[in-house]
Amino acid sequence: MSTQYLVEILLSIPAVLIALTVHEYAHGFSAWKLGDPTARNLGRLTLNPLRHLDPIGIVCMVFFRFGWAKPVPINTRYFRHPRRDMAITALAGPLANFVMAFFGAFFYCCARAVFSAILHAIDSPSETLVTVFLYLLQFLYLFHYLNLTLGLFNCIPIPPLDGSRVLLVFLPPRLYFGVMKYERYISFALLILLYLGVFSGLLSGLSNTLSDLIFSLFRLIPCFK
């Protein structure tokens, strides 16, 4: 294992913890605001990562760049408009990841601009300073990219991913719940597909395209060129 790969893994861990924790918190917060206190009552409306993490999901996230956390419990009987509110609650997680990806890119551009200014101001910057800045930039980019992939991955309309919850708005309830009866088996099949790398190319392509778009927007700002 190369040093660079080990560093990337170590930097990925805090990025993954933040991404997964905020993702699940967004689900619980949205459900609470829409009338469902289940997550709050069970102590899941928290930013404590230990309350949300799924061991397999975090390993997949660190090594394969997409994964999941322990789902926040939701009781649709508390919702005034169950189908609509379930879709909103489901989309809150990926949306939180996209927002964090945007700010991750922003802070990456800010840090790079500051780094460049310091290098121009100091004739011979210390090796430690350069190393710290490079690790900071690497962390911010990983944070940006991991949030993008997590958001996109969870938009896939396959149980138990968030995208499948949105289908309730578009499919007849009888058909939707007929499919969801097999959620456990579909989830197992999803793990096999992940292991085989079926989604890797698609998710990487979408993530790279969206990442390029976000950074191209920031490059329009003069100080970030």
Protein backbone atom coordinates (compact mmCIF):
# COMPACT_ATOMS: atom_id res chain seq x y z
CA MET A 1 0.00 0.00 0.00
CA SER A 2 1.50 3.33 -1.08
CA THR A 3 1.84 6.24 1.35
CA GLN A 4 -0.34 8.43 -0.85
CA TYR A 5 -3.15 5.86 -0.87
CA LEU A 6 -2.93 5.47 2.92
CA VAL A 7 -3.11 9.24 3.36
CA GLU A 8 -6.16 9.39 1.10
CA ILE A 9 -7.89 6.68 3.15
CA LEU A 10 -7.11 8.47 6.42
CA LEU A 11 -8.37 11.80 5.07
CA SER A 12 -11.48 10.11 3.71
CA ILE A 13 -12.59 8.84 7.12
CA PRO A 14 -13.53 12.23 8.68
CA ALA A 15 -15.04 13.35 5.37
CA VAL A 16 -17.20 10.21 5.28
CA LEU A 17 -18.24 10.59 8.92
CA ILE A 18 -19.44 14.15 8.30
CA ALA A 19 -21.15 13.31 5.00
CA LEU A 20 -23.09 10.32 6.36
CA THR A 21 -23.98 11.98 9.67
CA VAL A 22 -25.37 15.16 8.11
CA HIS A 23 -27.19 13.06 5.50
CA GLU A 24 -29.09 11.12 8.18
CA TYR A 25 -29.61 14.21 10.34
CA ALA A 26 -31.25 15.91 7.35
CA HIS A 27 -33.70 13.00 7.06
CA GLY A 28 -34.57 13.16 10.75
CA PHE A 29 -34.83 16.95 10.82
CA SER A 30 -37.11 17.05 7.79
CA ALA A 31 -39.36 14.34 9.22
CA TRP A 32 -39.53 16.19 12.53
CA LYS A 33 -40.48 19.46 10.83
CA LEU A 34 -43.17 17.62 8.87
CA GLY A 35 -44.68 16.23 12.07
CA ASP A 36 -42.86 12.93 12.71
CA PRO A 37 -41.00 12.95 16.08
CA THR A 38 -39.77 9.34 15.77
CA ALA A 39 -36.12 10.14 15.02
CA ARG A 40 -35.97 12.75 17.78
CA ASN A 41 -37.61 10.44 20.33
CA LEU A 42 -35.12 7.65 19.51
CA GLY A 43 -32.10 9.95 19.82
CA ARG A 44 -31.38 9.97 16.08
CA LEU A 45 -31.89 13.70 15.61
CA THR A 46 -28.24 14.33 16.42
CA LEU A 47 -24.94 15.10 14.73
CA ASN A 48 -23.20 12.41 16.76
CA PRO A 49 -21.84 10.05 14.04
CA LEU A 50 -21.92 7.04 16.37
CA ARG A 51 -25.72 7.17 16.30
CA HIS A 52 -25.92 6.87 12.52
CA LEU A 53 -23.08 4.76 11.20
CA ASP A 54 -23.44 1.39 9.52
CA PRO A 55 -20.09 -0.51 9.51
CA ILE A 56 -20.49 -1.94 6.00
CA GLY A 57 -21.78 1.34 4.62
CA ILE A 58 -18.87 3.36 5.95
CA VAL A 59 -16.31 0.85 4.62
CA CYS A 60 -17.95 1.03 1.17
CA MET A 61 -17.93 4.81 1.39
CA VAL A 62 -14.22 4.99 2.26
CA PHE A 63 -13.01 2.45 -0.29
CA PHE A 64 -15.60 2.58 -3.10
CA ARG A 65 -16.74 6.21 -2.78
CA PHE A 66 -20.42 5.39 -2.22
CA GLY A 67 -22.16 3.89 0.76
CA TRP A 68 -24.84 4.43 3.38
CA ALA A 69 -25.55 4.92 7.07
CA LYS A 70 -28.06 3.36 9.45
CA PRO A 71 -31.45 4.64 8.21
CA VAL A 72 -33.27 7.13 10.39
CA PRO A 73 -36.64 5.63 11.48
CA ILE A 74 -39.62 7.40 9.96
CA ASN A 75 -43.32 6.87 10.70
CA THR A 76 -45.44 8.20 7.83
CA ARG A 77 -48.58 8.07 9.98
CA TYR A 78 -47.48 11.37 11.51
CA PHE A 79 -47.37 13.11 8.13
CA ARG A 80 -50.33 15.16 6.98
CA HIS A 81 -49.53 14.30 3.36
CA PRO A 82 -47.72 10.94 3.63
CA ARG A 83 -46.66 10.50 0.00
CA ARG A 84 -45.44 14.06 -0.49
CA ASP A 85 -43.82 14.35 2.95
CA MET A 86 -42.06 10.98 2.57
CA ALA A 87 -40.56 12.19 -0.71
CA ILE A 88 -39.41 15.45 0.88
CA THR A 89 -37.87 13.58 3.82
CA ALA A 90 -36.11 11.15 1.47
CA LEU A 91 -34.68 13.90 -0.72
CA ALA A 92 -33.43 15.90 2.27
CA GLY A 93 -30.44 13.56 2.70
CA PRO A 94 -29.05 13.80 -0.85
CA LEU A 95 -29.81 17.53 -0.92
CA ALA A 96 -27.72 18.01 2.24
CA ASN A 97 -24.85 16.17 0.53
CA PHE A 98 -25.08 18.35 -2.57
CA VAL A 99 -25.00 21.49 -0.40
CA MET A 100 -21.93 20.19 1.46
CA ALA A 101 -20.29 19.28 -1.87
CA PHE A 102 -20.86 22.85 -3.07
CA PHE A 103 -19.32 24.36 0.06
CA GLY A 104 -16.51 21.82 0.00
CA ALA A 105 -15.59 23.07 -3.48
CA PHE A 106 -15.89 26.67 -2.32
CA PHE A 107 -13.55 26.19 0.63
CA TYR A 108 -11.16 24.22 -1.59
CA CYS A 109 -10.95 27.21 -3.95
CA CYS A 110 -10.50 29.58 -1.00
CA ALA A 111 -7.72 27.45 0.49
CA ARG A 112 -5.97 27.14 -2.87
CA ALA A 113 -6.13 30.92 -3.37
CA VAL A 114 -4.67 31.51 0.11
CA PHE A 115 -1.99 28.87 -0.49
CA SER A 116 -1.02 30.49 -3.77
CA ALA A 117 -0.81 33.93 -2.15
CA ILE A 118 1.39 32.61 0.66
CA LEU A 119 3.74 30.90 -1.80
CA HIS A 120 4.14 34.17 -3.67
CA ALA A 121 4.70 36.13 -0.45
CA ILE A 122 7.27 33.74 1.06
CA ASP A 123 10.46 33.02 -0.85
CA SER A 124 11.13 29.66 0.82
CA PRO A 125 8.06 28.29 2.63
CA SER A 126 8.79 25.49 5.06
CA GLU A 127 8.19 21.94 3.98
CA THR A 128 5.79 21.48 6.91
CA LEU A 129 3.65 24.43 5.81
CA VAL A 130 3.47 23.13 2.26
CA THR A 131 2.59 19.63 3.46
CA VAL A 132 -0.19 20.94 5.74
CA PHE A 133 -1.73 22.98 2.93
CA LEU A 134 -1.55 20.08 0.49
CA TYR A 135 -3.28 17.77 2.98
CA LEU A 136 -5.91 20.44 3.62
CA LEU A 137 -6.58 20.79 -0.09
CA GLN A 138 -6.77 17.02 -0.49
CA PHE A 139 -9.23 16.74 2.41
CA LEU A 140 -11.48 19.50 1.05
CA TYR A 141 -11.54 17.93 -2.39
CA LEU A 142 -12.32 14.50 -0.93
CA PHE A 143 -15.08 16.06 1.19
CA HIS A 144 -16.51 17.70 -1.93
CA TYR A 145 -16.31 14.58 -4.08
CA LEU A 146 -17.53 12.09 -1.47
CA ASN A 147 -20.61 14.21 -0.81
CA LEU A 148 -21.31 14.34 -4.53
CA THR A 149 -21.10 10.59 -4.93
CA LEU A 150 -23.14 9.93 -1.77
CA GLY A 151 -25.88 12.30 -2.94
CA LEU A 152 -26.00 10.82 -6.44
CA PHE A 153 -25.84 7.24 -5.18
CA ASN A 154 -28.80 7.76 -2.88
CA CYS A 155 -30.85 9.23 -5.71
CA ILE A 156 -30.88 5.84 -7.45
CA PRO A 157 -34.51 4.57 -7.24
CA ILE A 158 -33.59 1.15 -5.83
CA PRO A 159 -34.49 0.05 -2.27
CA PRO A 160 -33.26 0.87 0.30
CA LEU A 161 -31.80 4.04 -1.25
CA ASP A 162 -33.56 7.39 -0.87
CA GLY A 163 -34.57 7.51 -4.51
CA SER A 164 -36.85 4.52 -3.98
CA ARG A 165 -38.86 6.49 -1.39
CA VAL A 166 -39.60 9.16 -3.95
CA LEU A 167 -41.23 6.57 -6.21
CA LEU A 168 -44.23 6.56 -3.86
CA VAL A 169 -45.20 9.93 -5.32
CA PHE A 170 -45.24 8.60 -8.88
CA LEU A 171 -46.29 4.97 -8.55
CA PRO A 172 -49.69 3.65 -7.43
CA PRO A 173 -49.42 2.67 -3.74
CA ARG A 174 -50.35 -0.96 -4.50
CA LEU A 175 -47.50 -1.30 -7.00
CA TYR A 176 -45.02 0.59 -4.81
CA PHE A 177 -45.66 -1.46 -1.67
CA GLY A 178 -45.71 -4.63 -3.78
CA VAL A 179 -42.13 -3.88 -4.77
CA MET A 180 -41.09 -2.78 -1.28
CA LYS A 181 -42.12 -6.17 0.13
CA TYR A 182 -38.93 -7.47 -1.43
CA GLU A 183 -36.74 -4.64 -0.12
CA ARG A 184 -34.47 -7.00 1.86
CA TYR A 185 -33.78 -9.14 -1.20
CA ILE A 186 -33.31 -6.11 -3.42
CA SER A 187 -30.87 -4.66 -0.88
CA PHE A 188 -28.84 -7.86 -0.96
CA ALA A 189 -28.79 -7.75 -4.76
CA LEU A 190 -27.66 -4.13 -4.54
CA LEU A 191 -24.67 -5.16 -2.41
CA ILE A 192 -23.70 -7.72 -5.04
CA LEU A 193 -23.97 -5.11 -7.80
CA LEU A 194 -21.81 -2.73 -5.76
CA TYR A 195 -19.21 -5.44 -5.27
CA LEU A 196 -19.19 -6.11 -9.01
CA GLY A 197 -18.73 -2.41 -9.71
CA VAL A 198 -21.90 -2.08 -11.77
CA PHE A 199 -22.53 1.47 -10.57
CA SER A 200 -18.91 2.61 -10.47
CA GLY A 201 -18.66 3.89 -14.02
CA LEU A 202 -22.02 5.65 -14.00
CA LEU A 203 -21.51 7.29 -10.61
CA SER A 204 -17.93 8.30 -11.40
CA GLY A 205 -19.01 9.84 -14.70
CA LEU A 206 -21.89 11.77 -13.14
CA SER A 207 -19.77 12.86 -10.16
CA ASN A 208 -16.91 14.05 -12.38
CA THR A 209 -19.29 15.97 -14.64
CA LEU A 210 -21.08 17.66 -11.75
CA SER A 211 -17.79 18.39 -9.99
CA ASP A 212 -16.35 19.99 -13.13
CA LEU A 213 -19.50 22.11 -13.44
CA ILE A 214 -19.27 23.34 -9.85
CA PHE A 215 -15.58 24.23 -10.13
CA SER A 216 -16.15 25.92 -13.48
CA LEU A 217 -18.68 28.19 -11.77
CA PHE A 218 -16.16 29.14 -9.09
CA ARG A 219 -13.51 29.81 -11.71
CA LEU A 220 -15.71 32.64 -12.94
CA ILE A 221 -14.77 34.46 -9.72
CA PRO A 222 -11.52 36.39 -10.42
CA CYS A 223 -9.73 35.41 -7.18
CA PHE A 224 -10.36 31.71 -7.90
CA LYS A 225 -8.99 31.62 -11.46
